[in-house]
Amino acid sequence: MANIDGDYFSELLKDGWQIEGHSVAMFAAGALTHNILLRKDYSVKCLTIIINGNKEVGRYCSDFAPNPPPSPKKKGIWG
């Protein structure tokens, strides 16, 4: 999951990504999370925007398909 800036969403749409779904959920403290499902060909991403009141708390993007490459395996105790 990567922390992203506000222009990343616009760049994805300009690059041909399509919005396939959107949901909103409320946290116990009243903050809202917007989850936007994006698709381009056979790739799928989820963009999450968290808003508390009038302030944006953060934006994150997760790749669902294809799977991200596996991280290299560490050897030994200290890597």
PDB file of N, CA and C in Angstrom:
ATOM      1  N   MET A   1       0.847  -1.159   0.000  1.00  0.00           N
ATOM      2  CA  MET A   1       0.000   0.000   0.000  1.00  0.00           C
ATOM      3  C   MET A   1       0.900   1.230   0.000  1.00  0.00           C
ATOM      4  N   ALA A   2       0.611   2.147  -0.900  1.00  0.00           N
ATOM      5  CA  ALA A   2       1.463   3.317  -1.036  1.00  0.00           C
ATOM      6  C   ALA A   2       0.699   4.583  -0.682  1.00  0.00           C
ATOM      7  N   ASN A   3       1.351   5.475   0.060  1.00  0.00           N
ATOM      8  CA  ASN A   3       0.774   6.774   0.352  1.00  0.00           C
ATOM      9  C   ASN A   3       0.963   7.644  -0.881  1.00  0.00           C
ATOM     10  N   ILE A   4      -0.090   8.327  -1.336  1.00  0.00           N
ATOM     11  CA  ILE A   4      -0.029   9.056  -2.601  1.00  0.00           C
ATOM     12  C   ILE A   4      -0.506  10.490  -2.414  1.00  0.00           C
ATOM     13  N   ASP A   5      -0.212  11.343  -3.409  1.00  0.00           N
ATOM     14  CA  ASP A   5      -0.669  12.725  -3.343  1.00  0.00           C
ATOM     15  C   ASP A   5      -1.995  12.881  -4.086  1.00  0.00           C
ATOM     16  N   GLY A   6      -2.562  14.076  -4.048  1.00  0.00           N
ATOM     17  CA  GLY A   6      -3.871  14.330  -4.617  1.00  0.00           C
ATOM     18  C   GLY A   6      -3.941  14.228  -6.125  1.00  0.00           C
ATOM     19  N   ASP A   7      -2.832  14.428  -6.829  1.00  0.00           N
ATOM     20  CA  ASP A   7      -2.845  14.386  -8.289  1.00  0.00           C
ATOM     21  C   ASP A   7      -2.807  12.965  -8.840  1.00  0.00           C
ATOM     22  N   TYR A   8      -2.480  11.994  -8.021  1.00  0.00           N
ATOM     23  CA  TYR A   8      -2.339  10.609  -8.488  1.00  0.00           C
ATOM     24  C   TYR A   8      -3.645  10.078  -9.065  1.00  0.00           C
ATOM     25  N   PHE A   9      -4.772  10.383  -8.417  1.00  0.00           N
ATOM     26  CA  PHE A   9      -6.084   9.935  -8.876  1.00  0.00           C
ATOM     27  C   PHE A   9      -6.379  10.507 -10.258  1.00  0.00           C
ATOM     28  N   SER A  10      -6.132  11.788 -10.453  1.00  0.00           N
ATOM     29  CA  SER A  10      -6.349  12.424 -11.762  1.00  0.00           C
ATOM     30  C   SER A  10      -5.467  11.796 -12.831  1.00  0.00           C
ATOM     31  N   GLU A  11      -4.228  11.501 -12.483  1.00  0.00           N
ATOM     32  CA  GLU A  11      -3.305  10.898 -13.450  1.00  0.00           C
ATOM     33  C   GLU A  11      -3.771   9.497 -13.856  1.00  0.00           C
ATOM     34  N   LEU A  12      -4.312   8.732 -12.901  1.00  0.00           N
ATOM     35  CA  LEU A  12      -4.830   7.407 -13.234  1.00  0.00           C
ATOM     36  C   LEU A  12      -5.983   7.514 -14.233  1.00  0.00           C
ATOM     37  N   LEU A  13      -6.895   8.453 -14.003  1.00  0.00           N
ATOM     38  CA  LEU A  13      -8.029   8.625 -14.909  1.00  0.00           C
ATOM     39  C   LEU A  13      -7.575   9.085 -16.290  1.00  0.00           C
ATOM     40  N   LYS A  14      -6.599   9.987 -16.341  1.00  0.00           N
ATOM     41  CA  LYS A  14      -6.051  10.441 -17.631  1.00  0.00           C
ATOM     42  C   LYS A  14      -5.373   9.303 -18.371  1.00  0.00           C
ATOM     43  N   ASP A  15      -4.803   8.353 -17.621  1.00  0.00           N
ATOM     44  CA  ASP A  15      -4.070   7.226 -18.195  1.00  0.00           C
ATOM     45  C   ASP A  15      -5.001   6.102 -18.669  1.00  0.00           C
ATOM     46  N   GLY A  16      -6.314   6.274 -18.504  1.00  0.00           N
ATOM     47  CA  GLY A  16      -7.242   5.278 -19.016  1.00  0.00           C
ATOM     48  C   GLY A  16      -7.864   4.365 -17.985  1.00  0.00           C
ATOM     49  N   TRP A  17      -7.586   4.555 -16.705  1.00  0.00           N
ATOM     50  CA  TRP A  17      -8.216   3.755 -15.656  1.00  0.00           C
ATOM     51  C   TRP A  17      -9.676   4.166 -15.551  1.00  0.00           C
ATOM     52  N   GLN A  18     -10.559   3.201 -15.351  1.00  0.00           N
ATOM     53  CA  GLN A  18     -11.995   3.433 -15.248  1.00  0.00           C
ATOM     54  C   GLN A  18     -12.460   3.139 -13.828  1.00  0.00           C
ATOM     55  N   ILE A  19     -13.397   3.948 -13.316  1.00  0.00           N
ATOM     56  CA  ILE A  19     -13.993   3.704 -12.009  1.00  0.00           C
ATOM     57  C   ILE A  19     -15.032   2.599 -12.167  1.00  0.00           C
ATOM     58  N   GLU A  20     -14.843   1.505 -11.446  1.00  0.00           N
ATOM     59  CA  GLU A  20     -15.750   0.353 -11.524  1.00  0.00           C
ATOM     60  C   GLU A  20     -16.662   0.257 -10.310  1.00  0.00           C
ATOM     61  N   GLY A  21     -16.311   0.938  -9.238  1.00  0.00           N
ATOM     62  CA  GLY A  21     -17.139   0.883  -8.045  1.00  0.00           C
ATOM     63  C   GLY A  21     -16.665   1.888  -7.021  1.00  0.00           C
ATOM     64  N   HIS A  22     -17.568   2.225  -6.080  1.00  0.00           N
ATOM     65  CA  HIS A  22     -17.253   3.196  -5.041  1.00  0.00           C
ATOM     66  C   HIS A  22     -18.075   2.860  -3.806  1.00  0.00           C
ATOM     67  N   SER A  23     -17.457   2.922  -2.649  1.00  0.00           N
ATOM     68  CA  SER A  23     -18.198   2.738  -1.405  1.00  0.00           C
ATOM     69  C   SER A  23     -17.701   3.739  -0.371  1.00  0.00           C
ATOM     70  N   VAL A  24     -18.551   4.044   0.575  1.00  0.00           N
ATOM     71  CA  VAL A  24     -18.214   4.960   1.662  1.00  0.00           C
ATOM     72  C   VAL A  24     -18.539   4.258   2.971  1.00  0.00           C
ATOM     73  N   ALA A  25     -17.637   4.354   3.927  1.00  0.00           N
ATOM     74  CA  ALA A  25     -17.866   3.782   5.249  1.00  0.00           C
ATOM     75  C   ALA A  25     -17.500   4.821   6.298  1.00  0.00           C
ATOM     76  N   MET A  26     -18.154   4.728   7.457  1.00  0.00           N
ATOM     77  CA  MET A  26     -17.894   5.674   8.539  1.00  0.00           C
ATOM     78  C   MET A  26     -17.184   4.970   9.681  1.00  0.00           C
ATOM     79  N   PHE A  27     -16.119   5.593  10.165  1.00  0.00           N
ATOM     80  CA  PHE A  27     -15.418   5.092  11.343  1.00  0.00           C
ATOM     81  C   PHE A  27     -16.209   5.487  12.595  1.00  0.00           C
ATOM     82  N   ALA A  28     -15.883   4.877  13.710  1.00  0.00           N
ATOM     83  CA  ALA A  28     -16.589   5.149  14.965  1.00  0.00           C
ATOM     84  C   ALA A  28     -16.474   6.621  15.361  1.00  0.00           C
ATOM     85  N   ALA A  29     -15.372   7.260  15.063  1.00  0.00           N
ATOM     86  CA  ALA A  29     -15.156   8.663  15.443  1.00  0.00           C
ATOM     87  C   ALA A  29     -15.784   9.632  14.444  1.00  0.00           C
ATOM     88  N   GLY A  30     -16.429   9.138  13.395  1.00  0.00           N
ATOM     89  CA  GLY A  30     -17.098   9.989  12.429  1.00  0.00           C
ATOM     90  C   GLY A  30     -16.325  10.246  11.155  1.00  0.00           C
ATOM     91  N   ALA A  31     -15.091   9.791  11.056  1.00  0.00           N
ATOM     92  CA  ALA A  31     -14.328   9.963   9.826  1.00  0.00           C
ATOM     93  C   ALA A  31     -14.923   9.075   8.735  1.00  0.00           C
ATOM     94  N   LEU A  32     -14.793   9.492   7.489  1.00  0.00           N
ATOM     95  CA  LEU A  32     -15.295   8.733   6.347  1.00  0.00           C
ATOM     96  C   LEU A  32     -14.140   8.168   5.541  1.00  0.00           C
ATOM     97  N   THR A  33     -14.336   6.980   5.022  1.00  0.00           N
ATOM     98  CA  THR A  33     -13.374   6.403   4.092  1.00  0.00           C
ATOM     99  C   THR A  33     -14.084   6.136   2.770  1.00  0.00           C
ATOM    100  N   HIS A  34     -13.527   6.679   1.708  1.00  0.00           N
ATOM    101  CA  HIS A  34     -14.047   6.461   0.359  1.00  0.00           C
ATOM    102  C   HIS A  34     -13.142   5.428  -0.299  1.00  0.00           C
ATOM    103  N   ASN A  35     -13.715   4.342  -0.775  1.00  0.00           N
ATOM    104  CA  ASN A  35     -12.968   3.285  -1.449  1.00  0.00           C
ATOM    105  C   ASN A  35     -13.407   3.269  -2.911  1.00  0.00           C
ATOM    106  N   ILE A  36     -12.469   3.518  -3.808  1.00  0.00           N
ATOM    107  CA  ILE A  36     -12.772   3.620  -5.229  1.00  0.00           C
ATOM    108  C   ILE A  36     -12.045   2.493  -5.953  1.00  0.00           C
ATOM    109  N   LEU A  37     -12.802   1.645  -6.635  1.00  0.00           N
ATOM    110  CA  LEU A  37     -12.246   0.517  -7.375  1.00  0.00           C
ATOM    111  C   LEU A  37     -11.983   0.958  -8.811  1.00  0.00           C
ATOM    112  N   LEU A  38     -10.749   0.800  -9.267  1.00  0.00           N
ATOM    113  CA  LEU A  38     -10.330   1.219 -10.598  1.00  0.00           C
ATOM    114  C   LEU A  38      -9.867   0.016 -11.409  1.00  0.00           C
ATOM    115  N   ARG A  39     -10.188   0.014 -12.720  1.00  0.00           N
ATOM    116  CA  ARG A  39      -9.771  -1.085 -13.592  1.00  0.00           C
ATOM    117  C   ARG A  39      -9.233  -0.523 -14.902  1.00  0.00           C
ATOM    118  N   LYS A  40      -8.166  -1.164 -15.387  1.00  0.00           N
ATOM    119  CA  LYS A  40      -7.601  -0.885 -16.706  1.00  0.00           C
ATOM    120  C   LYS A  40      -7.143  -2.221 -17.265  1.00  0.00           C
ATOM    121  N   ASP A  41      -7.764  -2.638 -18.353  1.00  0.00           N
ATOM    122  CA  ASP A  41      -7.493  -3.960 -18.940  1.00  0.00           C
ATOM    123  C   ASP A  41      -7.681  -5.035 -17.868  1.00  0.00           C
ATOM    124  N   TYR A  42      -6.613  -5.737 -17.503  1.00  0.00           N
ATOM    125  CA  TYR A  42      -6.695  -6.800 -16.502  1.00  0.00           C
ATOM    126  C   TYR A  42      -6.065  -6.390 -15.172  1.00  0.00           C
ATOM    127  N   SER A  43      -5.842  -5.104 -14.982  1.00  0.00           N
ATOM    128  CA  SER A  43      -5.278  -4.602 -13.730  1.00  0.00           C
ATOM    129  C   SER A  43      -6.375  -3.960 -12.897  1.00  0.00           C
ATOM    130  N   VAL A  44      -6.311  -4.156 -11.590  1.00  0.00           N
ATOM    131  CA  VAL A  44      -7.305  -3.610 -10.668  1.00  0.00           C
ATOM    132  C   VAL A  44      -6.580  -2.957  -9.498  1.00  0.00           C
ATOM    133  N   LYS A  45      -7.029  -1.749  -9.141  1.00  0.00           N
ATOM    134  CA  LYS A  45      -6.483  -1.017  -8.007  1.00  0.00           C
ATOM    135  C   LYS A  45      -7.628  -0.558  -7.122  1.00  0.00           C
ATOM    136  N   CYS A  46      -7.334  -0.309  -5.849  1.00  0.00           N
ATOM    137  CA  CYS A  46      -8.295   0.304  -4.939  1.00  0.00           C
ATOM    138  C   CYS A  46      -7.650   1.568  -4.387  1.00  0.00           C
ATOM    139  N   LEU A  47      -8.294   2.697  -4.604  1.00  0.00           N
ATOM    140  CA  LEU A  47      -7.843   3.974  -4.073  1.00  0.00           C
ATOM    141  C   LEU A  47      -8.691   4.280  -2.848  1.00  0.00           C
ATOM    142  N   THR A  48      -8.064   4.545  -1.721  1.00  0.00           N
ATOM    143  CA  THR A  48      -8.763   4.841  -0.477  1.00  0.00           C
ATOM    144  C   THR A  48      -8.449   6.265  -0.053  1.00  0.00           C
ATOM    145  N   ILE A  49      -9.496   7.035   0.231  1.00  0.00           N
ATOM    146  CA  ILE A  49      -9.352   8.404   0.696  1.00  0.00           C
ATOM    147  C   ILE A  49     -10.059   8.500   2.042  1.00  0.00           C
ATOM    148  N   ILE A  50      -9.340   8.958   3.069  1.00  0.00           N
ATOM    149  CA  ILE A  50      -9.899   9.071   4.417  1.00  0.00           C
ATOM    150  C   ILE A  50     -10.076  10.550   4.743  1.00  0.00           C
ATOM    151  N   ILE A  51     -11.299  10.919   5.153  1.00  0.00           N
ATOM    152  CA  ILE A  51     -11.631  12.310   5.448  1.00  0.00           C
ATOM    153  C   ILE A  51     -12.231  12.376   6.848  1.00  0.00           C
ATOM    154  N   ASN A  52     -11.733  13.308   7.644  1.00  0.00           N
ATOM    155  CA  ASN A  52     -12.259  13.545   8.987  1.00  0.00           C
ATOM    156  C   ASN A  52     -12.756  14.986   9.041  1.00  0.00           C
ATOM    157  N   GLY A  53     -14.066  15.168   9.061  1.00  0.00           N
ATOM    158  CA  GLY A  53     -14.650  16.513   9.002  1.00  0.00           C
ATOM    159  C   GLY A  53     -14.389  17.106   7.628  1.00  0.00           C
ATOM    160  N   ASN A  54     -13.741  18.256   7.580  1.00  0.00           N
ATOM    161  CA  ASN A  54     -13.377  18.893   6.308  1.00  0.00           C
ATOM    162  C   ASN A  54     -11.921  18.658   5.952  1.00  0.00           C
ATOM    163  N   LYS A  55     -11.216  17.852   6.739  1.00  0.00           N
ATOM    164  CA  LYS A  55      -9.790  17.642   6.535  1.00  0.00           C
ATOM    165  C   LYS A  55      -9.514  16.241   5.994  1.00  0.00           C
ATOM    166  N   GLU A  56      -8.731  16.182   4.929  1.00  0.00           N
ATOM    167  CA  GLU A  56      -8.323  14.881   4.391  1.00  0.00           C
ATOM    168  C   GLU A  56      -7.178  14.332   5.233  1.00  0.00           C
ATOM    169  N   VAL A  57      -7.346  13.104   5.699  1.00  0.00           N
ATOM    170  CA  VAL A  57      -6.344  12.475   6.561  1.00  0.00           C
ATOM    171  C   VAL A  57      -5.275  11.774   5.722  1.00  0.00           C
ATOM    172  N   GLY A  58      -5.692  11.103   4.648  1.00  0.00           N
ATOM    173  CA  GLY A  58      -4.713  10.403   3.828  1.00  0.00           C
ATOM    174  C   GLY A  58      -5.335   9.765   2.610  1.00  0.00           C
ATOM    175  N   ARG A  59      -4.468   9.405   1.658  1.00  0.00           N
ATOM    176  CA  ARG A  59      -4.851   8.684   0.445  1.00  0.00           C
ATOM    177  C   ARG A  59      -3.887   7.510   0.282  1.00  0.00           C
ATOM    178  N   TYR A  60      -4.442   6.368  -0.079  1.00  0.00           N
ATOM    179  CA  TYR A  60      -3.638   5.170  -0.268  1.00  0.00           C
ATOM    180  C   TYR A  60      -4.132   4.434  -1.504  1.00  0.00           C
ATOM    181  N   CYS A  61      -3.217   3.742  -2.161  1.00  0.00           N
ATOM    182  CA  CYS A  61      -3.587   2.961  -3.343  1.00  0.00           C
ATOM    183  C   CYS A  61      -3.012   1.558  -3.187  1.00  0.00           C
ATOM    184  N   SER A  62      -3.874   0.559  -3.386  1.00  0.00           N
ATOM    185  CA  SER A  62      -3.468  -0.842  -3.305  1.00  0.00           C
ATOM    186  C   SER A  62      -3.677  -1.505  -4.657  1.00  0.00           C
ATOM    187  N   ASP A  63      -2.714  -2.317  -5.071  1.00  0.00           N
ATOM    188  CA  ASP A  63      -2.850  -3.095  -6.296  1.00  0.00           C
ATOM    189  C   ASP A  63      -3.459  -4.442  -5.947  1.00  0.00           C
ATOM    190  N   PHE A  64      -4.566  -4.792  -6.622  1.00  0.00           N
ATOM    191  CA  PHE A  64      -5.211  -6.086  -6.412  1.00  0.00           C
ATOM    192  C   PHE A  64      -4.805  -7.089  -7.478  1.00  0.00           C
ATOM    193  N   ALA A  65      -4.713  -6.649  -8.712  1.00  0.00           N
ATOM    194  CA  ALA A  65      -4.341  -7.544  -9.806  1.00  0.00           C
ATOM    195  C   ALA A  65      -3.582  -6.743 -10.849  1.00  0.00           C
ATOM    196  N   PRO A  66      -2.530  -7.233 -11.396  1.00  0.00           N
ATOM    197  CA  PRO A  66      -1.867  -8.475 -10.993  1.00  0.00           C
ATOM    198  C   PRO A  66      -1.217  -8.305  -9.628  1.00  0.00           C
ATOM    199  N   ASN A  67      -0.892  -9.431  -9.019  1.00  0.00           N
ATOM    200  CA  ASN A  67      -0.249  -9.379  -7.712  1.00  0.00           C
ATOM    201  C   ASN A  67       1.052  -8.602  -7.806  1.00  0.00           C
ATOM    202  N   PRO A  68       1.366  -7.795  -6.776  1.00  0.00           N
ATOM    203  CA  PRO A  68       2.665  -7.135  -6.774  1.00  0.00           C
ATOM    204  C   PRO A  68       3.776  -8.176  -6.690  1.00  0.00           C
ATOM    205  N   PRO A  69       4.950  -7.861  -7.215  1.00  0.00           N
ATOM    206  CA  PRO A  69       6.037  -8.846  -7.148  1.00  0.00           C
ATOM    207  C   PRO A  69       6.387  -9.171  -5.700  1.00  0.00           C
ATOM    208  N   PRO A  70       6.731 -10.425  -5.430  1.00  0.00           N
ATOM    209  CA  PRO A  70       7.062 -10.800  -4.046  1.00  0.00           C
ATOM    210  C   PRO A  70       8.328 -10.089  -3.586  1.00  0.00           C
ATOM    211  N   SER A  71       8.356  -9.732  -2.302  1.00  0.00           N
ATOM    212  CA  SER A  71       9.559  -9.108  -1.765  1.00  0.00           C
ATOM    213  C   SER A  71      10.655 -10.158  -1.648  1.00  0.00           C
ATOM    214  N   PRO A  72      11.903  -9.747  -1.821  1.00  0.00           N
ATOM    215  CA  PRO A  72      12.994 -10.736  -1.744  1.00  0.00           C
ATOM    216  C   PRO A  72      13.049 -11.397  -0.372  1.00  0.00           C
ATOM    217  N   LYS A  73      13.331 -12.680  -0.364  1.00  0.00           N
ATOM    218  CA  LYS A  73      13.407 -13.440   0.899  1.00  0.00           C
ATOM    219  C   LYS A  73      14.696 -13.064   1.624  1.00  0.00           C
ATOM    220  N   LYS A  74      14.547 -12.820   2.911  1.00  0.00           N
ATOM    221  CA  LYS A  74      15.707 -12.495   3.741  1.00  0.00           C
ATOM    222  C   LYS A  74      16.364 -13.782   4.200  1.00  0.00           C
ATOM    223  N   LYS A  75      17.673 -13.740   4.327  1.00  0.00           N
ATOM    224  CA  LYS A  75      18.420 -14.912   4.777  1.00  0.00           C
ATOM    225  C   LYS A  75      18.981 -14.633   6.162  1.00  0.00           C
ATOM    226  N   GLY A  76      18.873 -15.599   7.000  1.00  0.00           N
ATOM    227  CA  GLY A  76      19.423 -15.457   8.348  1.00  0.00           C
ATOM    228  C   GLY A  76      18.542 -14.623   9.251  1.00  0.00           C
ATOM    229  N   ILE A  77      19.013 -14.388  10.447  1.00  0.00           N
ATOM    230  CA  ILE A  77      18.242 -13.654  11.440  1.00  0.00           C
ATOM    231  C   ILE A  77      18.172 -12.170  11.096  1.00  0.00           C
ATOM    232  N   TRP A  78      19.264 -11.574  10.637  1.00  0.00           N
ATOM    233  CA  TRP A  78      19.340 -10.137  10.430  1.00  0.00           C
ATOM    234  C   TRP A  78      19.088  -9.729   8.977  1.00  0.00           C
ATOM    235  N   GLY A  79      18.780 -10.654   8.122  1.00  0.00           N
ATOM    236  CA  GLY A  79      18.439 -10.326   6.734  1.00  0.00           C
ATOM    237  C   GLY A  79      19.634 -10.270   5.871  1.00  0.00           C
TER     238      GLY A  79
END
